[in-house]
Amino acid sequence: MTTKMDRRTFLKGAAAAAAAVSLSGLLTGCGGNPELPDNEVQLGVFNVSVYGLNVDQGAELGGDAGAITGTVKIRFSDSGSSMQAVPYRGMFNATVGGSKLTQVAPTGNLVVSDALLGKPFATKEKDLKLSFPDVATREAYQSGKPAYLTITINNITGVLYLVKRGDGYVATKTVG
């Protein structure tokens, strides 16, 4: 059995298909950002990812118990028309088994802009260094105890866990 399609039927079908395609784009836009990678959190207009983690063993002399080191990537997006300056101090807070680590890096201020000429200045990559309070805390982390990392920008907080996986370390939203 064949169905005859005249011009009018074809145009109605094409219009309905076009409307469905454009509406689906709107619906996904309402749902927010697509799912972020496991090592990234969204804090308002900022997306922060942590990667390249390692453990600095410190120095036996001088009381240096070592640190978690890595890289943070901070992307800023505020509709392409603004700039923000936020201090790095206190932005990254971590604990291992209740012991607080000290943020050594980054330091200074995060200055970002997503204005038309500022697009190249909307993303910053900085070294991350979180110093262990003592050797026992470092050894607990190296033995598999996760570090609980809170990242706070403009009073919005996100959480990542810094965990041992195989022979390395990763940032993740879940422990397991």
Protein backbone atom coordinates (compact mmCIF):
# COMPACT_ATOMS: atom_id res chain seq x y z
CA MET A 1 0.00 0.00 0.00
CA THR A 2 1.38 3.40 -0.93
CA THR A 3 0.53 6.75 0.54
CA LYS A 4 0.29 9.74 -1.74
CA MET A 5 2.05 12.84 -0.53
CA ASP A 6 1.14 16.15 -2.05
CA ARG A 7 3.01 19.39 -1.58
CA ARG A 8 0.80 20.53 1.30
CA THR A 9 1.31 17.30 3.30
CA PHE A 10 5.05 17.46 2.68
CA LEU A 11 5.30 21.08 3.91
CA LYS A 12 3.27 20.30 7.06
CA GLY A 13 5.55 17.35 7.86
CA ALA A 14 8.70 19.41 7.19
CA ALA A 15 7.44 22.24 9.42
CA ALA A 16 6.60 19.81 12.23
CA ALA A 17 10.06 18.20 11.97
CA ALA A 18 11.79 21.60 12.01
CA ALA A 19 9.79 22.64 15.06
CA ALA A 20 10.65 19.41 16.87
CA VAL A 21 14.37 19.83 16.17
CA SER A 22 14.44 23.46 17.34
CA LEU A 23 12.35 22.66 20.43
CA SER A 24 14.72 19.85 21.43
CA GLY A 25 17.58 22.36 21.40
CA LEU A 26 15.64 24.63 23.73
CA LEU A 27 14.82 21.79 26.09
CA THR A 28 18.43 20.73 26.46
CA GLY A 29 19.33 24.38 27.05
CA CYS A 30 16.92 24.45 30.00
CA GLY A 31 18.63 21.50 31.62
CA GLY A 32 21.85 23.40 32.34
CA ASN A 33 25.35 22.46 31.28
CA PRO A 34 26.05 19.04 29.87
CA GLU A 35 27.49 16.64 32.40
CA LEU A 36 30.89 17.74 33.64
CA PRO A 37 33.93 15.45 33.70
CA ASP A 38 34.45 13.56 36.96
CA ASN A 39 37.36 15.83 37.97
CA GLU A 40 35.42 19.09 37.49
CA VAL A 41 32.90 21.09 39.53
CA GLN A 42 30.77 24.08 38.57
CA LEU A 43 30.69 27.01 41.00
CA GLY A 44 28.32 29.59 39.56
CA VAL A 45 30.09 31.16 36.57
CA PHE A 46 33.27 29.15 37.22
CA ASN A 47 34.18 25.59 36.24
CA VAL A 48 37.14 24.18 38.17
CA SER A 49 38.99 20.99 37.28
CA VAL A 50 41.89 19.35 39.09
CA TYR A 51 44.36 17.02 37.36
CA GLY A 52 47.98 15.86 37.25
CA LEU A 53 48.04 14.94 40.93
CA ASN A 54 51.14 13.65 42.65
CA VAL A 55 52.71 13.55 46.12
CA ASP A 56 55.75 15.61 47.03
CA GLN A 57 57.57 13.61 49.71
CA GLY A 58 58.94 16.70 51.46
CA ALA A 59 62.28 16.90 53.23
CA GLU A 60 63.11 14.90 56.30
CA LEU A 61 64.99 17.85 57.77
CA GLY A 62 63.21 21.12 58.35
CA GLY A 63 59.76 19.77 59.15
CA ASP A 64 58.51 19.57 55.54
CA ALA A 65 56.02 16.67 55.55
CA GLY A 66 55.36 16.92 51.81
CA ALA A 67 52.32 17.95 49.82
CA ILE A 68 49.70 16.98 47.27
CA THR A 69 50.65 18.69 44.02
CA GLY A 70 48.78 19.08 40.76
CA THR A 71 47.18 21.56 38.41
CA VAL A 72 43.88 23.47 38.65
CA LYS A 73 42.12 24.81 35.59
CA ILE A 74 39.56 27.54 36.22
CA ARG A 75 37.22 28.59 33.40
CA PHE A 76 35.05 31.70 33.69
CA SER A 77 31.93 32.32 31.62
CA ASP A 78 29.48 35.12 32.37
CA SER A 79 27.78 35.88 29.02
CA GLY A 80 30.87 37.46 27.52
CA SER A 81 30.71 40.81 29.22
CA SER A 82 32.49 40.87 32.54
CA MET A 83 35.62 40.51 34.59
CA GLN A 84 36.23 39.16 38.09
CA ALA A 85 39.13 39.27 40.53
CA VAL A 86 39.03 36.74 43.36
CA PRO A 87 41.80 35.91 45.86
CA TYR A 88 43.21 32.38 45.65
CA ARG A 89 43.80 32.41 49.41
CA GLY A 90 41.41 29.96 51.03
CA MET A 91 39.95 28.83 47.70
CA PHE A 92 41.24 25.25 48.13
CA ASN A 93 40.78 23.50 51.49
CA ALA A 94 41.60 19.84 52.01
CA THR A 95 41.54 17.33 54.83
CA VAL A 96 42.80 13.77 55.11
CA GLY A 97 41.17 11.85 57.93
CA GLY A 98 40.35 15.04 59.81
CA SER A 99 43.84 16.54 59.42
CA LYS A 100 43.78 19.89 57.62
CA LEU A 101 46.19 20.50 54.75
CA THR A 102 47.52 24.00 54.05
CA GLN A 103 47.08 25.67 50.66
CA VAL A 104 50.56 26.74 49.51
CA ALA A 105 49.68 27.40 45.86
CA PRO A 106 48.13 29.06 44.00
CA THR A 107 48.74 32.48 45.52
CA GLY A 108 47.73 36.00 44.60
CA ASN A 109 44.48 36.76 42.78
CA LEU A 110 42.50 34.99 40.10
CA VAL A 111 41.76 37.68 37.49
CA VAL A 112 39.55 36.53 34.62
CA SER A 113 37.49 38.13 31.87
CA ASP A 114 35.17 36.73 29.24
CA ALA A 115 34.55 40.03 27.44
CA LEU A 116 35.12 39.92 23.68
CA LEU A 117 38.79 40.92 23.89
CA GLY A 118 39.12 39.07 27.19
CA LYS A 119 38.20 35.59 25.89
CA PRO A 120 41.85 34.49 26.03
CA PHE A 121 41.78 35.58 29.70
CA ALA A 122 38.72 33.51 30.67
CA THR A 123 40.75 30.40 31.58
CA LYS A 124 43.60 30.12 34.07
CA GLU A 125 45.78 27.11 34.83
CA LYS A 126 47.74 27.20 38.06
CA ASP A 127 49.87 24.88 40.14
CA LEU A 128 48.10 23.42 43.15
CA LYS A 129 50.03 22.57 46.30
CA LEU A 130 48.39 21.40 49.51
CA SER A 131 50.90 20.82 52.29
CA PHE A 132 50.50 17.91 54.74
CA PRO A 133 50.60 18.86 58.45
CA ASP A 134 52.71 15.81 59.32
CA VAL A 135 54.26 12.65 57.88
CA ALA A 136 51.49 10.44 59.31
CA THR A 137 48.86 12.34 57.27
CA ARG A 138 50.97 12.04 54.11
CA GLU A 139 51.43 8.32 54.69
CA ALA A 140 47.68 7.86 55.28
CA TYR A 141 46.97 9.59 51.95
CA GLN A 142 49.60 7.52 50.16
CA SER A 143 48.09 4.35 51.67
CA GLY A 144 44.71 5.14 50.12
CA LYS A 145 42.90 7.47 52.53
CA PRO A 146 41.20 10.10 50.33
CA ALA A 147 41.68 13.84 50.64
CA TYR A 148 38.41 15.77 50.85
CA LEU A 149 38.90 18.96 48.82
CA THR A 150 36.48 21.86 49.02
CA ILE A 151 36.78 24.59 46.41
CA THR A 152 35.09 27.90 47.21
CA ILE A 153 34.68 30.85 44.84
CA ASN A 154 32.32 33.77 45.59
CA ASN A 155 30.81 31.83 48.53
CA ILE A 156 29.86 28.88 46.27
CA THR A 157 31.46 25.59 47.28
CA GLY A 158 32.12 22.39 45.36
CA VAL A 159 33.73 19.14 46.49
CA LEU A 160 36.23 16.80 44.88
CA TYR A 161 38.00 13.82 46.40
CA LEU A 162 41.70 13.37 45.71
CA VAL A 163 42.21 9.62 45.70
CA LYS A 164 44.82 7.01 44.92
CA ARG A 165 44.04 4.93 41.82
CA GLY A 166 46.55 2.30 40.87
CA ASP A 167 49.99 3.89 40.93
CA GLY A 168 48.68 7.45 40.61
CA TYR A 169 46.26 9.97 42.06
CA VAL A 170 43.09 11.50 40.58
CA ALA A 171 40.41 14.03 41.45
CA THR A 172 36.88 12.66 41.42
CA LYS A 173 33.38 13.54 42.60
CA THR A 174 32.92 10.18 44.32
CA VAL A 175 35.09 7.93 46.46
CA GLY A 176 35.17 4.33 45.44
